Amino acid sequence: MTTNKYNMWFLSGYGIATILLLYFGLNGLVVTALSDKFPNARFITILALFFIVAWSIGLGTRQYINSFTKDTQNKIRNSFLCITVFSWIIVLILFSVS
């Protein structure tokens, strides 16, 4: 496998992880915020898990980007930025459909 295939796998995994994190995290926060008591333990737990998972994804992505040379880092950063925006758009579409 070449480096380009590894990049595509990592970018695809990042996009899927971002979509899952955003959809289930935001959905869980909205559902618990609309319950009878607010803030409750479930809301705080989901919020803490949301931050921990997002932080972990960010650290992994940062280490992955820093493993490249300066020239390639800019291209990879732009790819991650595009995938992040695309993930937000997909999550917004999922929320509007469901």
N, C-alpha and C. Protein backbone atom coordinates (compact mmCIF):
# COMPACT_ATOMS: atom_id res chain seq x y z
N MET A 1 0.83 -1.18 0.00
CA MET A 1 0.00 0.00 0.00
C MET A 1 0.87 1.24 0.00
N THR A 2 0.47 2.21 -0.76
CA THR A 2 1.23 3.45 -0.80
C THR A 2 0.74 4.41 0.27
N THR A 3 1.48 5.51 0.41
CA THR A 3 1.12 6.51 1.41
C THR A 3 -0.23 7.15 1.09
N ASN A 4 -0.53 7.31 -0.20
CA ASN A 4 -1.81 7.91 -0.59
C ASN A 4 -2.99 7.05 -0.13
N LYS A 5 -2.85 5.74 -0.20
CA LYS A 5 -3.94 4.87 0.26
C LYS A 5 -4.09 4.97 1.77
N TYR A 6 -2.97 5.09 2.50
CA TYR A 6 -3.05 5.28 3.95
C TYR A 6 -3.74 6.61 4.25
N ASN A 7 -3.42 7.64 3.48
CA ASN A 7 -4.07 8.94 3.69
C ASN A 7 -5.56 8.84 3.47
N MET A 8 -5.97 8.15 2.44
CA MET A 8 -7.40 8.02 2.14
C MET A 8 -8.11 7.23 3.25
N TRP A 9 -7.48 6.16 3.75
CA TRP A 9 -8.08 5.39 4.84
C TRP A 9 -8.21 6.24 6.09
N PHE A 10 -7.15 6.99 6.42
CA PHE A 10 -7.19 7.82 7.62
C PHE A 10 -8.21 8.93 7.48
N LEU A 11 -8.27 9.57 6.32
CA LEU A 11 -9.25 10.63 6.10
C LEU A 11 -10.68 10.09 6.13
N SER A 12 -10.88 8.91 5.57
CA SER A 12 -12.22 8.30 5.60
C SER A 12 -12.62 7.96 7.03
N GLY A 13 -11.70 7.38 7.79
CA GLY A 13 -11.98 7.07 9.18
C GLY A 13 -12.25 8.31 10.00
N TYR A 14 -11.49 9.37 9.73
CA TYR A 14 -11.71 10.63 10.43
C TYR A 14 -13.10 11.18 10.11
N GLY A 15 -13.49 11.13 8.85
CA GLY A 15 -14.81 11.64 8.46
C GLY A 15 -15.93 10.85 9.10
N ILE A 16 -15.82 9.54 9.11
CA ILE A 16 -16.85 8.70 9.72
C ILE A 16 -16.90 8.94 11.23
N ALA A 17 -15.73 9.02 11.87
CA ALA A 17 -15.69 9.26 13.31
C ALA A 17 -16.29 10.62 13.66
N THR A 18 -16.02 11.62 12.84
CA THR A 18 -16.56 12.95 13.09
C THR A 18 -18.07 12.97 12.93
N ILE A 19 -18.56 12.31 11.91
CA ILE A 19 -20.01 12.25 11.70
C ILE A 19 -20.69 11.53 12.87
N LEU A 20 -20.14 10.40 13.27
CA LEU A 20 -20.73 9.66 14.39
C LEU A 20 -20.67 10.45 15.69
N LEU A 21 -19.54 11.08 15.95
CA LEU A 21 -19.41 11.88 17.17
C LEU A 21 -20.41 13.02 17.19
N LEU A 22 -20.49 13.75 16.10
CA LEU A 22 -21.39 14.89 16.06
C LEU A 22 -22.85 14.47 16.14
N TYR A 23 -23.23 13.45 15.39
CA TYR A 23 -24.63 13.07 15.37
C TYR A 23 -25.08 12.52 16.71
N PHE A 24 -24.38 11.51 17.21
CA PHE A 24 -24.81 10.88 18.45
C PHE A 24 -24.57 11.78 19.66
N GLY A 25 -23.48 12.54 19.65
CA GLY A 25 -23.21 13.44 20.76
C GLY A 25 -24.23 14.56 20.85
N LEU A 26 -24.48 15.23 19.73
CA LEU A 26 -25.44 16.33 19.74
C LEU A 26 -26.86 15.83 19.97
N ASN A 27 -27.19 14.69 19.38
CA ASN A 27 -28.51 14.11 19.59
C ASN A 27 -28.72 13.76 21.06
N GLY A 28 -27.71 13.16 21.68
CA GLY A 28 -27.82 12.83 23.10
C GLY A 28 -27.95 14.05 23.98
N LEU A 29 -27.21 15.11 23.64
CA LEU A 29 -27.30 16.34 24.42
C LEU A 29 -28.67 16.98 24.28
N VAL A 30 -29.23 16.97 23.09
CA VAL A 30 -30.55 17.57 22.88
C VAL A 30 -31.62 16.78 23.61
N VAL A 31 -31.55 15.46 23.54
CA VAL A 31 -32.55 14.63 24.20
C VAL A 31 -32.51 14.82 25.71
N THR A 32 -31.31 14.85 26.29
CA THR A 32 -31.22 15.03 27.74
C THR A 32 -31.55 16.45 28.17
N ALA A 33 -31.30 17.42 27.30
CA ALA A 33 -31.64 18.80 27.64
C ALA A 33 -33.15 19.02 27.65
N LEU A 34 -33.89 18.22 26.90
CA LEU A 34 -35.34 18.36 26.84
C LEU A 34 -36.06 17.53 27.88
N SER A 35 -35.32 16.86 28.75
CA SER A 35 -35.97 16.06 29.79
C SER A 35 -36.52 16.96 30.90
N ASP A 36 -37.17 16.36 31.88
CA ASP A 36 -37.82 17.13 32.94
C ASP A 36 -36.83 17.92 33.78
N LYS A 37 -35.74 17.29 34.16
CA LYS A 37 -34.73 17.97 34.97
C LYS A 37 -33.55 18.34 34.09
N PHE A 38 -33.05 19.55 34.26
CA PHE A 38 -31.88 19.98 33.50
C PHE A 38 -31.03 20.86 34.40
N PRO A 39 -29.76 20.73 34.47
CA PRO A 39 -28.90 19.67 33.93
C PRO A 39 -28.95 18.44 34.83
N ASN A 40 -28.95 17.30 34.23
CA ASN A 40 -28.97 16.06 34.97
C ASN A 40 -27.65 15.31 34.77
N ALA A 41 -27.50 14.20 35.46
CA ALA A 41 -26.24 13.44 35.40
C ALA A 41 -25.98 12.89 34.01
N ARG A 42 -27.03 12.51 33.31
CA ARG A 42 -26.86 11.96 31.96
C ARG A 42 -26.34 13.03 31.00
N PHE A 43 -26.85 14.25 31.12
CA PHE A 43 -26.37 15.35 30.28
C PHE A 43 -24.90 15.62 30.53
N ILE A 44 -24.50 15.67 31.79
CA ILE A 44 -23.11 15.96 32.13
C ILE A 44 -22.20 14.82 31.65
N THR A 45 -22.67 13.58 31.77
CA THR A 45 -21.89 12.44 31.30
C THR A 45 -21.70 12.49 29.79
N ILE A 46 -22.77 12.76 29.05
CA ILE A 46 -22.68 12.83 27.59
C ILE A 46 -21.78 13.98 27.17
N LEU A 47 -21.89 15.12 27.85
CA LEU A 47 -21.04 16.26 27.53
C LEU A 47 -19.57 15.95 27.79
N ALA A 48 -19.28 15.29 28.91
CA ALA A 48 -17.90 14.92 29.22
C ALA A 48 -17.35 13.93 28.19
N LEU A 49 -18.16 12.93 27.83
CA LEU A 49 -17.72 11.97 26.81
C LEU A 49 -17.53 12.63 25.46
N PHE A 50 -18.38 13.58 25.14
CA PHE A 50 -18.26 14.32 23.88
C PHE A 50 -16.91 15.03 23.82
N PHE A 51 -16.55 15.73 24.91
CA PHE A 51 -15.27 16.43 24.93
C PHE A 51 -14.09 15.48 24.91
N ILE A 52 -14.17 14.37 25.64
CA ILE A 52 -13.06 13.41 25.68
C ILE A 52 -12.83 12.78 24.31
N VAL A 53 -13.90 12.37 23.65
CA VAL A 53 -13.76 11.75 22.33
C VAL A 53 -13.27 12.76 21.30
N ALA A 54 -13.80 13.98 21.34
CA ALA A 54 -13.36 15.01 20.40
C ALA A 54 -11.89 15.34 20.63
N TRP A 55 -11.48 15.43 21.89
CA TRP A 55 -10.08 15.71 22.22
C TRP A 55 -9.18 14.57 21.71
N SER A 56 -9.61 13.33 21.88
CA SER A 56 -8.83 12.19 21.42
C SER A 56 -8.68 12.18 19.90
N ILE A 57 -9.77 12.46 19.21
CA ILE A 57 -9.71 12.52 17.75
C ILE A 57 -8.76 13.65 17.32
N GLY A 58 -8.84 14.78 18.00
CA GLY A 58 -7.97 15.90 17.67
C GLY A 58 -6.51 15.60 17.91
N LEU A 59 -6.19 14.94 19.02
CA LEU A 59 -4.80 14.59 19.30
C LEU A 59 -4.25 13.60 18.28
N GLY A 60 -5.06 12.61 17.93
CA GLY A 60 -4.63 11.64 16.92
C GLY A 60 -4.42 12.30 15.57
N THR A 61 -5.30 13.20 15.22
CA THR A 61 -5.17 13.91 13.95
C THR A 61 -3.94 14.80 13.95
N ARG A 62 -3.69 15.47 15.06
CA ARG A 62 -2.52 16.34 15.15
C ARG A 62 -1.22 15.55 15.01
N GLN A 63 -1.14 14.39 15.68
CA GLN A 63 0.05 13.56 15.56
C GLN A 63 0.21 13.05 14.14
N TYR A 64 -0.89 12.69 13.50
CA TYR A 64 -0.83 12.21 12.13
C TYR A 64 -0.33 13.31 11.19
N ILE A 65 -0.83 14.52 11.36
CA ILE A 65 -0.41 15.62 10.49
C ILE A 65 1.05 15.98 10.73
N ASN A 66 1.48 15.95 11.99
CA ASN A 66 2.87 16.30 12.30
C ASN A 66 3.88 15.27 11.82
N SER A 67 3.42 14.09 11.41
CA SER A 67 4.34 13.07 10.92
C SER A 67 4.78 13.33 9.48
N PHE A 68 4.21 14.33 8.83
CA PHE A 68 4.55 14.65 7.45
C PHE A 68 5.52 15.83 7.39
N THR A 69 6.06 16.06 6.20
CA THR A 69 6.92 17.22 5.99
C THR A 69 6.05 18.46 5.89
N LYS A 70 6.69 19.62 5.94
CA LYS A 70 5.95 20.90 5.92
C LYS A 70 5.12 21.06 4.65
N ASP A 71 5.66 20.63 3.52
CA ASP A 71 4.91 20.77 2.26
C ASP A 71 3.64 19.94 2.26
N THR A 72 3.75 18.73 2.75
CA THR A 72 2.59 17.84 2.74
C THR A 72 1.61 18.19 3.85
N GLN A 73 2.09 18.79 4.94
CA GLN A 73 1.21 19.13 6.05
C GLN A 73 0.09 20.07 5.63
N ASN A 74 0.41 21.04 4.78
CA ASN A 74 -0.62 21.99 4.32
C ASN A 74 -1.70 21.28 3.51
N LYS A 75 -1.29 20.36 2.65
CA LYS A 75 -2.27 19.62 1.85
C LYS A 75 -3.16 18.74 2.73
N ILE A 76 -2.53 18.09 3.69
CA ILE A 76 -3.29 17.21 4.58
C ILE A 76 -4.24 18.04 5.45
N ARG A 77 -3.77 19.19 5.95
CA ARG A 77 -4.64 20.06 6.76
C ARG A 77 -5.86 20.52 5.97
N ASN A 78 -5.62 20.90 4.72
CA ASN A 78 -6.75 21.31 3.88
C ASN A 78 -7.73 20.16 3.67
N SER A 79 -7.21 18.95 3.52
CA SER A 79 -8.09 17.79 3.37
C SER A 79 -8.92 17.57 4.62
N PHE A 80 -8.28 17.69 5.80
CA PHE A 80 -9.02 17.52 7.04
C PHE A 80 -10.05 18.62 7.22
N LEU A 81 -9.73 19.82 6.82
CA LEU A 81 -10.69 20.92 6.92
C LEU A 81 -11.90 20.66 6.04
N CYS A 82 -11.66 20.22 4.81
CA CYS A 82 -12.77 19.91 3.89
C CYS A 82 -13.63 18.78 4.43
N ILE A 83 -13.01 17.76 4.98
CA ILE A 83 -13.78 16.63 5.50
C ILE A 83 -14.58 17.05 6.73
N THR A 84 -14.02 17.93 7.56
CA THR A 84 -14.74 18.41 8.73
C THR A 84 -15.98 19.19 8.32
N VAL A 85 -15.84 20.07 7.35
CA VAL A 85 -16.99 20.85 6.86
C VAL A 85 -18.02 19.91 6.23
N PHE A 86 -17.56 18.96 5.45
CA PHE A 86 -18.46 17.99 4.83
C PHE A 86 -19.19 17.16 5.88
N SER A 87 -18.49 16.81 6.97
CA SER A 87 -19.12 16.05 8.05
C SER A 87 -20.21 16.86 8.73
N TRP A 88 -19.96 18.15 8.97
CA TRP A 88 -20.99 19.01 9.56
C TRP A 88 -22.20 19.10 8.65
N ILE A 89 -21.98 19.22 7.37
CA ILE A 89 -23.10 19.30 6.42
C ILE A 89 -23.92 18.01 6.45
N ILE A 90 -23.24 16.87 6.49
CA ILE A 90 -23.95 15.59 6.55
C ILE A 90 -24.76 15.48 7.84
N VAL A 91 -24.18 15.91 8.96
CA VAL A 91 -24.90 15.84 10.24
C VAL A 91 -26.11 16.77 10.21
N LEU A 92 -25.97 17.95 9.64
CA LEU A 92 -27.12 18.85 9.54
C LEU A 92 -28.22 18.25 8.67
N ILE A 93 -27.83 17.58 7.60
CA ILE A 93 -28.82 16.90 6.75
C ILE A 93 -29.50 15.78 7.53
N LEU A 94 -28.72 15.01 8.30
CA LEU A 94 -29.30 13.93 9.09
C LEU A 94 -30.28 14.45 10.12
N PHE A 95 -29.96 15.60 10.76
CA PHE A 95 -30.88 16.17 11.73
C PHE A 95 -32.14 16.71 11.05
N SER A 96 -32.03 17.22 9.86
CA SER A 96 -33.21 17.76 9.21
C SER A 96 -34.10 16.63 8.67
N VAL A 97 -33.52 15.49 8.35
CA VAL A 97 -34.29 14.38 7.84
C VAL A 97 -35.00 13.64 8.97
N SER A 98 -34.32 13.47 10.10
CA SER A 98 -34.92 12.67 11.18
C SER A 98 -35.74 13.48 12.13
